[in-house]
Amino acid sequence: MQRLILVVLFLGLIFSGVLPLAATSAPPPAAKVEDLAWMAGSWAGTEGKVQMEEHWTAPKGGAMLGLHRDVAGGKMVGFEFLRIEETPGGVAYLSMPQGRPVTSFPLVQVDGKRVVFENPTHDFPQRIIYWLETDGSLAARIEGTQNGKEESAQWRWKASALR
C-alpha cells in the first residue's frame, strides 16, 4: 500500500509540472523572414563579360521573392526564380534555376547580416550563403561536393536601381 501511495504521489508531481519528466530548455528563437530584410533590393555586378542582377522583394506575408539573371553578349544566358519563405519546418530558400522544379534549402544559421541555407542531399550546391559586406554590397556563395571534390563559387553585387 505504501508503494502505491508513493507511485500516485510521484505521478501527481509529474503531471502537475512540479517535477519535470525530463530536463527541458527553451528552444532558440526561430528565424523569421523579416530577419533577412537586409537582402531586399536590386543588386548588380559584372564578372568577365557577364552582367549579373539579383532582385529581392521586402519581406511580406512570410516570404521574399527573388529573381536572378545573367546576360552576356546582349543575350540572357541564365536565370533563376527564388523564394525565401516561412514553412512549417522553418525558413527555407527555394530555388528554381532555369525554371526547373524547386529545390528547398532550409535555413541553418542566421547571424546578423549573414545567412546560411543547407540541403546536404542536393547534388550541388549543398550550401547557399548570403551576407552584406561592410561597404553595403550583397555577396553570395554556393558550396558543396561535386564529383567527389569540394567546389564553390562566389559573387558580389552592388546596390542598383531597378530598370
N, C-alpha and C. Protein backbone atom coordinates (compact mmCIF):
# COMPACT_ATOMS: atom_id res chain seq x y z
N MET A 1 0.80 -1.19 0.00
CA MET A 1 0.00 0.00 0.00
C MET A 1 0.86 1.26 0.00
N GLN A 2 1.93 1.23 0.78
CA GLN A 2 2.82 2.37 0.85
C GLN A 2 3.45 2.64 -0.52
N ARG A 3 3.80 1.57 -1.22
CA ARG A 3 4.39 1.69 -2.56
C ARG A 3 3.38 2.35 -3.52
N LEU A 4 2.12 1.98 -3.46
CA LEU A 4 1.08 2.54 -4.31
C LEU A 4 0.91 4.03 -4.05
N ILE A 5 0.97 4.42 -2.78
CA ILE A 5 0.85 5.84 -2.43
C ILE A 5 2.02 6.62 -3.02
N LEU A 6 3.23 6.08 -2.91
CA LEU A 6 4.42 6.75 -3.47
C LEU A 6 4.31 6.90 -4.99
N VAL A 7 3.84 5.86 -5.68
CA VAL A 7 3.69 5.92 -7.13
C VAL A 7 2.66 6.98 -7.50
N VAL A 8 1.53 7.02 -6.80
CA VAL A 8 0.48 8.01 -7.08
C VAL A 8 1.02 9.42 -6.83
N LEU A 9 1.74 9.62 -5.73
CA LEU A 9 2.34 10.94 -5.44
C LEU A 9 3.34 11.33 -6.53
N PHE A 10 4.19 10.42 -6.93
CA PHE A 10 5.19 10.68 -7.96
C PHE A 10 4.53 11.08 -9.27
N LEU A 11 3.52 10.31 -9.69
CA LEU A 11 2.81 10.64 -10.93
C LEU A 11 2.09 11.98 -10.82
N GLY A 12 1.55 12.26 -9.64
CA GLY A 12 0.88 13.55 -9.43
C GLY A 12 1.84 14.71 -9.59
N LEU A 13 3.06 14.57 -9.07
CA LEU A 13 4.07 15.62 -9.21
C LEU A 13 4.49 15.81 -10.67
N ILE A 14 4.62 14.71 -11.41
CA ILE A 14 4.99 14.80 -12.82
C ILE A 14 3.90 15.52 -13.61
N PHE A 15 2.64 15.08 -13.44
CA PHE A 15 1.55 15.64 -14.22
C PHE A 15 1.20 17.06 -13.80
N SER A 16 1.54 17.45 -12.60
CA SER A 16 1.26 18.82 -12.16
C SER A 16 2.33 19.78 -12.66
N GLY A 17 3.44 19.25 -13.14
CA GLY A 17 4.52 20.11 -13.64
C GLY A 17 5.53 20.47 -12.58
N VAL A 18 5.29 20.08 -11.34
CA VAL A 18 6.23 20.38 -10.26
C VAL A 18 7.53 19.60 -10.48
N LEU A 19 7.41 18.36 -10.90
CA LEU A 19 8.57 17.51 -11.16
C LEU A 19 8.60 17.21 -12.65
N PRO A 20 9.52 17.85 -13.41
CA PRO A 20 9.53 17.59 -14.85
C PRO A 20 9.97 16.18 -15.17
N LEU A 21 9.40 15.62 -16.22
CA LEU A 21 9.75 14.27 -16.67
C LEU A 21 11.18 14.24 -17.19
N ALA A 22 11.58 15.29 -17.88
CA ALA A 22 12.95 15.38 -18.40
C ALA A 22 13.36 16.84 -18.35
N ALA A 23 14.65 17.07 -18.26
CA ALA A 23 15.13 18.45 -18.26
C ALA A 23 14.82 19.08 -19.61
N THR A 24 14.24 20.25 -19.56
CA THR A 24 13.91 20.95 -20.80
C THR A 24 14.48 22.34 -20.76
N SER A 25 14.83 22.85 -21.92
CA SER A 25 15.25 24.23 -22.03
C SER A 25 14.50 24.83 -23.19
N ALA A 26 14.32 26.11 -23.13
CA ALA A 26 13.57 26.78 -24.19
C ALA A 26 14.35 26.67 -25.49
N PRO A 27 13.66 26.34 -26.58
CA PRO A 27 14.36 26.27 -27.86
C PRO A 27 14.81 27.67 -28.28
N PRO A 28 15.86 27.75 -29.09
CA PRO A 28 16.30 29.06 -29.55
C PRO A 28 15.19 29.72 -30.37
N PRO A 29 15.13 31.04 -30.35
CA PRO A 29 14.08 31.71 -31.12
C PRO A 29 14.18 31.34 -32.59
N ALA A 30 13.04 31.06 -33.19
CA ALA A 30 13.02 30.67 -34.60
C ALA A 30 13.29 31.89 -35.47
N ALA A 31 14.02 31.69 -36.56
CA ALA A 31 14.28 32.77 -37.51
C ALA A 31 13.00 33.09 -38.25
N LYS A 32 12.86 34.32 -38.62
CA LYS A 32 11.72 34.79 -39.41
C LYS A 32 12.27 35.40 -40.70
N VAL A 33 11.44 35.42 -41.72
CA VAL A 33 11.85 36.03 -42.98
C VAL A 33 12.27 37.49 -42.76
N GLU A 34 11.61 38.17 -41.83
CA GLU A 34 11.95 39.57 -41.56
C GLU A 34 13.40 39.75 -41.13
N ASP A 35 14.02 38.68 -40.59
CA ASP A 35 15.44 38.75 -40.20
C ASP A 35 16.35 38.94 -41.40
N LEU A 36 15.81 38.71 -42.61
CA LEU A 36 16.62 38.80 -43.84
C LEU A 36 16.27 40.04 -44.66
N ALA A 37 15.62 41.02 -44.05
CA ALA A 37 15.22 42.24 -44.75
C ALA A 37 16.41 42.95 -45.39
N TRP A 38 17.60 42.77 -44.86
CA TRP A 38 18.81 43.40 -45.40
C TRP A 38 19.14 42.93 -46.81
N MET A 39 18.54 41.82 -47.25
CA MET A 39 18.77 41.31 -48.62
C MET A 39 17.90 42.03 -49.65
N ALA A 40 16.82 42.67 -49.20
CA ALA A 40 15.86 43.28 -50.12
C ALA A 40 16.51 44.38 -50.95
N GLY A 41 16.14 44.42 -52.22
CA GLY A 41 16.63 45.47 -53.11
C GLY A 41 17.07 44.89 -54.44
N SER A 42 17.60 45.77 -55.26
CA SER A 42 18.13 45.38 -56.57
C SER A 42 19.64 45.45 -56.49
N TRP A 43 20.28 44.42 -57.01
CA TRP A 43 21.73 44.26 -56.90
C TRP A 43 22.28 43.93 -58.28
N ALA A 44 23.45 44.47 -58.63
CA ALA A 44 24.03 44.21 -59.95
C ALA A 44 25.54 44.13 -59.85
N GLY A 45 26.13 43.36 -60.77
CA GLY A 45 27.58 43.23 -60.84
C GLY A 45 27.98 42.65 -62.18
N THR A 46 29.27 42.68 -62.45
CA THR A 46 29.80 42.13 -63.69
C THR A 46 30.95 41.19 -63.34
N GLU A 47 30.94 40.03 -63.99
CA GLU A 47 32.03 39.08 -63.84
C GLU A 47 32.47 38.70 -65.24
N GLY A 48 33.65 39.15 -65.63
CA GLY A 48 34.09 38.95 -67.01
C GLY A 48 33.15 39.67 -67.95
N LYS A 49 32.56 38.95 -68.89
CA LYS A 49 31.63 39.56 -69.83
C LYS A 49 30.17 39.33 -69.46
N VAL A 50 29.96 38.81 -68.26
CA VAL A 50 28.60 38.50 -67.82
C VAL A 50 28.10 39.61 -66.88
N GLN A 51 26.96 40.19 -67.25
CA GLN A 51 26.30 41.16 -66.39
C GLN A 51 25.29 40.38 -65.55
N MET A 52 25.37 40.56 -64.23
CA MET A 52 24.51 39.82 -63.31
C MET A 52 23.59 40.79 -62.58
N GLU A 53 22.37 40.34 -62.33
CA GLU A 53 21.48 41.11 -61.48
C GLU A 53 20.66 40.16 -60.62
N GLU A 54 20.41 40.62 -59.39
CA GLU A 54 19.59 39.85 -58.47
C GLU A 54 18.67 40.84 -57.77
N HIS A 55 17.40 40.49 -57.70
CA HIS A 55 16.40 41.37 -57.10
C HIS A 55 15.65 40.59 -56.02
N TRP A 56 15.47 41.23 -54.87
CA TRP A 56 14.72 40.63 -53.76
C TRP A 56 13.67 41.60 -53.27
N THR A 57 12.43 41.12 -53.14
CA THR A 57 11.38 41.95 -52.57
C THR A 57 11.56 42.02 -51.05
N ALA A 58 10.94 43.03 -50.45
CA ALA A 58 10.97 43.16 -49.00
C ALA A 58 10.13 42.02 -48.39
N PRO A 59 10.46 41.61 -47.18
CA PRO A 59 9.67 40.56 -46.53
C PRO A 59 8.23 41.03 -46.33
N LYS A 60 7.31 40.20 -46.73
CA LYS A 60 5.89 40.49 -46.53
C LYS A 60 5.13 39.18 -46.63
N GLY A 61 4.18 38.97 -45.73
CA GLY A 61 3.38 37.75 -45.77
C GLY A 61 4.19 36.49 -45.52
N GLY A 62 5.32 36.60 -44.81
CA GLY A 62 6.14 35.43 -44.52
C GLY A 62 7.01 34.98 -45.68
N ALA A 63 7.23 35.88 -46.67
CA ALA A 63 8.03 35.47 -47.83
C ALA A 63 8.78 36.65 -48.44
N MET A 64 9.85 36.33 -49.14
CA MET A 64 10.57 37.26 -50.01
C MET A 64 10.66 36.57 -51.37
N LEU A 65 10.45 37.32 -52.43
CA LEU A 65 10.58 36.76 -53.78
C LEU A 65 11.85 37.30 -54.40
N GLY A 66 12.55 36.44 -55.17
CA GLY A 66 13.79 36.84 -55.79
C GLY A 66 13.88 36.39 -57.23
N LEU A 67 14.75 37.07 -57.95
CA LEU A 67 15.00 36.77 -59.35
C LEU A 67 16.47 37.05 -59.64
N HIS A 68 17.10 36.14 -60.32
CA HIS A 68 18.49 36.33 -60.74
C HIS A 68 18.55 36.18 -62.26
N ARG A 69 19.35 37.06 -62.91
CA ARG A 69 19.51 36.97 -64.36
C ARG A 69 20.95 37.28 -64.73
N ASP A 70 21.50 36.48 -65.66
CA ASP A 70 22.84 36.70 -66.23
C ASP A 70 22.68 37.01 -67.71
N VAL A 71 23.39 38.05 -68.18
CA VAL A 71 23.33 38.46 -69.58
C VAL A 71 24.77 38.57 -70.11
N ALA A 72 25.02 37.98 -71.27
CA ALA A 72 26.33 38.08 -71.92
C ALA A 72 26.09 38.26 -73.42
N GLY A 73 26.84 39.17 -74.01
CA GLY A 73 26.70 39.39 -75.45
C GLY A 73 25.30 39.83 -75.85
N GLY A 74 24.61 40.53 -74.95
CA GLY A 74 23.27 41.00 -75.24
C GLY A 74 22.19 39.94 -75.15
N LYS A 75 22.54 38.72 -74.68
CA LYS A 75 21.56 37.64 -74.57
C LYS A 75 21.53 37.11 -73.13
N MET A 76 20.32 36.75 -72.70
CA MET A 76 20.20 36.13 -71.39
C MET A 76 20.82 34.73 -71.47
N VAL A 77 21.77 34.45 -70.56
CA VAL A 77 22.44 33.14 -70.56
C VAL A 77 22.09 32.32 -69.32
N GLY A 78 21.36 32.92 -68.40
CA GLY A 78 20.95 32.18 -67.21
C GLY A 78 19.94 32.97 -66.41
N PHE A 79 19.07 32.25 -65.70
CA PHE A 79 18.12 32.90 -64.80
C PHE A 79 17.72 31.93 -63.71
N GLU A 80 17.17 32.49 -62.65
CA GLU A 80 16.72 31.66 -61.53
C GLU A 80 15.59 32.38 -60.81
N PHE A 81 14.51 31.66 -60.55
CA PHE A 81 13.42 32.16 -59.72
C PHE A 81 13.71 31.72 -58.30
N LEU A 82 13.56 32.63 -57.34
CA LEU A 82 13.94 32.37 -55.95
C LEU A 82 12.82 32.77 -55.00
N ARG A 83 12.79 32.11 -53.86
CA ARG A 83 11.83 32.42 -52.83
C ARG A 83 12.47 32.09 -51.49
N ILE A 84 12.26 32.95 -50.52
CA ILE A 84 12.61 32.63 -49.14
C ILE A 84 11.29 32.74 -48.39
N GLU A 85 10.90 31.65 -47.72
CA GLU A 85 9.61 31.69 -47.05
C GLU A 85 9.61 30.90 -45.76
N GLU A 86 8.66 31.27 -44.91
CA GLU A 86 8.45 30.54 -43.67
C GLU A 86 7.60 29.32 -43.98
N THR A 87 8.13 28.14 -43.68
CA THR A 87 7.44 26.88 -43.91
C THR A 87 7.17 26.25 -42.55
N PRO A 88 6.36 25.20 -42.49
CA PRO A 88 6.15 24.54 -41.19
C PRO A 88 7.45 24.06 -40.54
N GLY A 89 8.47 23.77 -41.35
CA GLY A 89 9.75 23.32 -40.81
C GLY A 89 10.73 24.44 -40.54
N GLY A 90 10.35 25.68 -40.78
CA GLY A 90 11.23 26.82 -40.58
C GLY A 90 11.44 27.58 -41.89
N VAL A 91 12.29 28.57 -41.85
CA VAL A 91 12.57 29.39 -43.04
C VAL A 91 13.37 28.56 -44.03
N ALA A 92 13.03 28.68 -45.32
CA ALA A 92 13.73 27.93 -46.36
C ALA A 92 13.94 28.81 -47.59
N TYR A 93 15.04 28.54 -48.28
CA TYR A 93 15.38 29.18 -49.55
C TYR A 93 14.94 28.19 -50.64
N LEU A 94 14.08 28.64 -51.53
CA LEU A 94 13.53 27.77 -52.57
C LEU A 94 14.05 28.27 -53.92
N SER A 95 14.74 27.41 -54.63
CA SER A 95 15.44 27.78 -55.85
C SER A 95 14.89 27.03 -57.07
N MET A 96 14.74 27.75 -58.17
CA MET A 96 14.29 27.15 -59.43
C MET A 96 15.21 27.64 -60.56
N PRO A 97 16.47 27.14 -60.63
CA PRO A 97 17.38 27.59 -61.68
C PRO A 97 16.87 27.18 -63.06
N GLN A 98 16.91 28.11 -63.99
CA GLN A 98 16.45 27.88 -65.36
C GLN A 98 14.99 27.43 -65.38
N GLY A 99 14.23 27.72 -64.33
CA GLY A 99 12.83 27.34 -64.27
C GLY A 99 12.58 25.87 -63.94
N ARG A 100 13.63 25.15 -63.53
CA ARG A 100 13.47 23.73 -63.17
C ARG A 100 12.63 23.59 -61.89
N PRO A 101 12.24 22.38 -61.54
CA PRO A 101 11.47 22.18 -60.30
C PRO A 101 12.22 22.73 -59.08
N VAL A 102 11.46 23.12 -58.10
CA VAL A 102 12.01 23.77 -56.92
C VAL A 102 12.87 22.82 -56.08
N THR A 103 13.96 23.37 -55.54
CA THR A 103 14.80 22.69 -54.56
C THR A 103 14.80 23.54 -53.30
N SER A 104 14.57 22.90 -52.17
CA SER A 104 14.50 23.60 -50.89
C SER A 104 15.82 23.49 -50.14
N PHE A 105 16.25 24.61 -49.58
CA PHE A 105 17.45 24.68 -48.74
C PHE A 105 17.03 25.31 -47.41
N PRO A 106 16.79 24.51 -46.38
CA PRO A 106 16.38 25.07 -45.08
C PRO A 106 17.46 25.98 -44.49
N LEU A 107 17.01 27.01 -43.79
CA LEU A 107 17.91 27.91 -43.10
C LEU A 107 18.54 27.16 -41.93
N VAL A 108 19.87 27.21 -41.84
CA VAL A 108 20.56 26.54 -40.72
C VAL A 108 21.27 27.52 -39.80
N GLN A 109 21.48 28.75 -40.29
CA GLN A 109 22.16 29.74 -39.45
C GLN A 109 21.85 31.14 -39.95
N VAL A 110 21.53 32.01 -39.02
CA VAL A 110 21.42 33.44 -39.34
C VAL A 110 22.13 34.17 -38.23
N ASP A 111 23.05 35.04 -38.62
CA ASP A 111 23.87 35.77 -37.66
C ASP A 111 24.00 37.20 -38.16
N GLY A 112 23.14 38.07 -37.68
CA GLY A 112 23.17 39.45 -38.14
C GLY A 112 22.85 39.53 -39.62
N LYS A 113 23.82 39.96 -40.39
CA LYS A 113 23.62 40.12 -41.83
C LYS A 113 24.34 39.03 -42.62
N ARG A 114 24.25 37.82 -42.12
CA ARG A 114 24.79 36.63 -42.79
C ARG A 114 23.81 35.49 -42.57
N VAL A 115 23.50 34.75 -43.64
CA VAL A 115 22.56 33.65 -43.54
C VAL A 115 23.08 32.45 -44.31
N VAL A 116 22.87 31.26 -43.77
CA VAL A 116 23.30 30.02 -44.40
C VAL A 116 22.09 29.11 -44.56
N PHE A 117 21.90 28.63 -45.80
CA PHE A 117 20.86 27.65 -46.11
C PHE A 117 21.57 26.37 -46.53
N GLU A 118 21.01 25.21 -46.19
CA GLU A 118 21.72 23.97 -46.48
C GLU A 118 20.76 22.83 -46.83
N ASN A 119 21.16 22.07 -47.85
CA ASN A 119 20.44 20.85 -48.23
C ASN A 119 21.50 19.81 -48.56
N PRO A 120 21.91 19.00 -47.56
CA PRO A 120 23.00 18.04 -47.78
C PRO A 120 22.68 16.94 -48.79
N THR A 121 21.42 16.75 -49.13
CA THR A 121 21.06 15.70 -50.09
C THR A 121 21.03 16.21 -51.54
N HIS A 122 21.19 17.51 -51.74
CA HIS A 122 21.16 18.06 -53.10
C HIS A 122 22.49 17.78 -53.80
N ASP A 123 22.45 17.58 -55.13
CA ASP A 123 23.69 17.25 -55.86
C ASP A 123 24.73 18.37 -55.74
N PHE A 124 24.42 19.56 -56.16
CA PHE A 124 25.29 20.73 -55.99
C PHE A 124 24.47 21.96 -56.29
N PRO A 125 24.59 22.96 -55.46
CA PRO A 125 25.35 23.06 -54.22
C PRO A 125 24.59 22.44 -53.06
N GLN A 126 25.29 22.27 -51.96
CA GLN A 126 24.63 21.82 -50.74
C GLN A 126 24.40 23.00 -49.78
N ARG A 127 25.18 24.06 -49.92
CA ARG A 127 25.04 25.24 -49.08
C ARG A 127 24.95 26.50 -49.93
N ILE A 128 24.09 27.43 -49.49
CA ILE A 128 23.94 28.74 -50.11
C ILE A 128 24.08 29.76 -48.98
N ILE A 129 25.00 30.69 -49.16
CA ILE A 129 25.31 31.66 -48.11
C ILE A 129 25.17 33.06 -48.71
N TYR A 130 24.48 33.94 -48.00
CA TYR A 130 24.40 35.35 -48.37
C TYR A 130 24.91 36.17 -47.19
N TRP A 131 25.54 37.31 -47.50
CA TRP A 131 25.93 38.23 -46.44
C TRP A 131 26.04 39.63 -47.02
N LEU A 132 25.93 40.61 -46.15
CA LEU A 132 26.06 42.01 -46.54
C LEU A 132 27.46 42.46 -46.14
N GLU A 133 28.22 42.92 -47.12
CA GLU A 133 29.59 43.40 -46.88
C GLU A 133 29.54 44.74 -46.14
N THR A 134 30.66 45.12 -45.54
CA THR A 134 30.72 46.39 -44.81
C THR A 134 30.52 47.59 -45.73
N ASP A 135 30.84 47.45 -47.03
CA ASP A 135 30.63 48.56 -47.97
C ASP A 135 29.19 48.60 -48.50
N GLY A 136 28.31 47.72 -48.01
CA GLY A 136 26.92 47.72 -48.41
C GLY A 136 26.60 46.83 -49.59
N SER A 137 27.59 46.14 -50.15
CA SER A 137 27.32 45.24 -51.27
C SER A 137 26.81 43.89 -50.75
N LEU A 138 26.03 43.22 -51.58
CA LEU A 138 25.50 41.91 -51.24
C LEU A 138 26.40 40.84 -51.84
N ALA A 139 26.76 39.86 -51.06
CA ALA A 139 27.62 38.77 -51.54
C ALA A 139 26.88 37.45 -51.36
N ALA A 140 27.20 36.51 -52.23
CA ALA A 140 26.62 35.17 -52.15
C ALA A 140 27.68 34.15 -52.50
N ARG A 141 27.54 32.98 -51.90
CA ARG A 141 28.48 31.89 -52.16
C ARG A 141 27.68 30.59 -52.17
N ILE A 142 28.01 29.73 -53.12
CA ILE A 142 27.47 28.38 -53.11
C ILE A 142 28.64 27.44 -52.90
N GLU A 143 28.41 26.34 -52.19
CA GLU A 143 29.49 25.40 -51.94
C GLU A 143 28.95 24.02 -51.67
N GLY A 144 29.84 23.06 -51.81
CA GLY A 144 29.48 21.68 -51.56
C GLY A 144 30.39 20.74 -52.33
N THR A 145 30.01 19.49 -52.32
CA THR A 145 30.79 18.46 -53.00
C THR A 145 30.15 18.17 -54.35
N GLN A 146 31.01 18.14 -55.38
CA GLN A 146 30.56 17.80 -56.72
C GLN A 146 31.60 16.86 -57.33
N ASN A 147 31.15 15.68 -57.77
CA ASN A 147 32.07 14.68 -58.32
C ASN A 147 33.20 14.35 -57.36
N GLY A 148 32.86 14.28 -56.06
CA GLY A 148 33.85 13.91 -55.05
C GLY A 148 34.81 15.02 -54.65
N LYS A 149 34.65 16.23 -55.19
CA LYS A 149 35.55 17.35 -54.87
C LYS A 149 34.76 18.49 -54.26
N GLU A 150 35.39 19.18 -53.31
CA GLU A 150 34.78 20.39 -52.75
C GLU A 150 34.84 21.49 -53.81
N GLU A 151 33.69 22.08 -54.09
CA GLU A 151 33.59 23.14 -55.09
C GLU A 151 32.88 24.34 -54.47
N SER A 152 33.11 25.52 -55.05
CA SER A 152 32.40 26.72 -54.59
C SER A 152 32.45 27.77 -55.69
N ALA A 153 31.56 28.72 -55.58
CA ALA A 153 31.54 29.90 -56.45
C ALA A 153 31.02 31.05 -55.60
N GLN A 154 31.50 32.23 -55.89
CA GLN A 154 31.13 33.39 -55.09
C GLN A 154 30.87 34.58 -55.98
N TRP A 155 29.89 35.42 -55.57
CA TRP A 155 29.54 36.61 -56.32
C TRP A 155 29.39 37.78 -55.37
N ARG A 156 29.48 38.97 -55.95
CA ARG A 156 29.31 40.20 -55.18
C ARG A 156 28.60 41.21 -56.07
N TRP A 157 27.54 41.81 -55.50
CA TRP A 157 26.77 42.78 -56.26
C TRP A 157 26.63 44.08 -55.47
N LYS A 158 26.59 45.18 -56.20
CA LYS A 158 26.37 46.49 -55.57
C LYS A 158 24.90 46.85 -55.72
N ALA A 159 24.41 47.69 -54.83
CA ALA A 159 23.03 48.16 -54.92
C ALA A 159 22.83 48.83 -56.27
N SER A 160 21.69 48.58 -56.87
CA SER A 160 21.41 49.06 -58.22
C SER A 160 19.97 49.51 -58.33
N ALA A 161 19.72 50.44 -59.23
CA ALA A 161 18.34 50.86 -59.49
C ALA A 161 17.69 49.84 -60.42
N LEU A 162 16.46 49.51 -60.15
CA LEU A 162 15.71 48.58 -61.00
C LEU A 162 15.32 49.31 -62.28
N ARG A 163 15.78 48.78 -63.43
CA ARG A 163 15.44 49.42 -64.71
C ARG A 163 14.91 48.38 -65.65
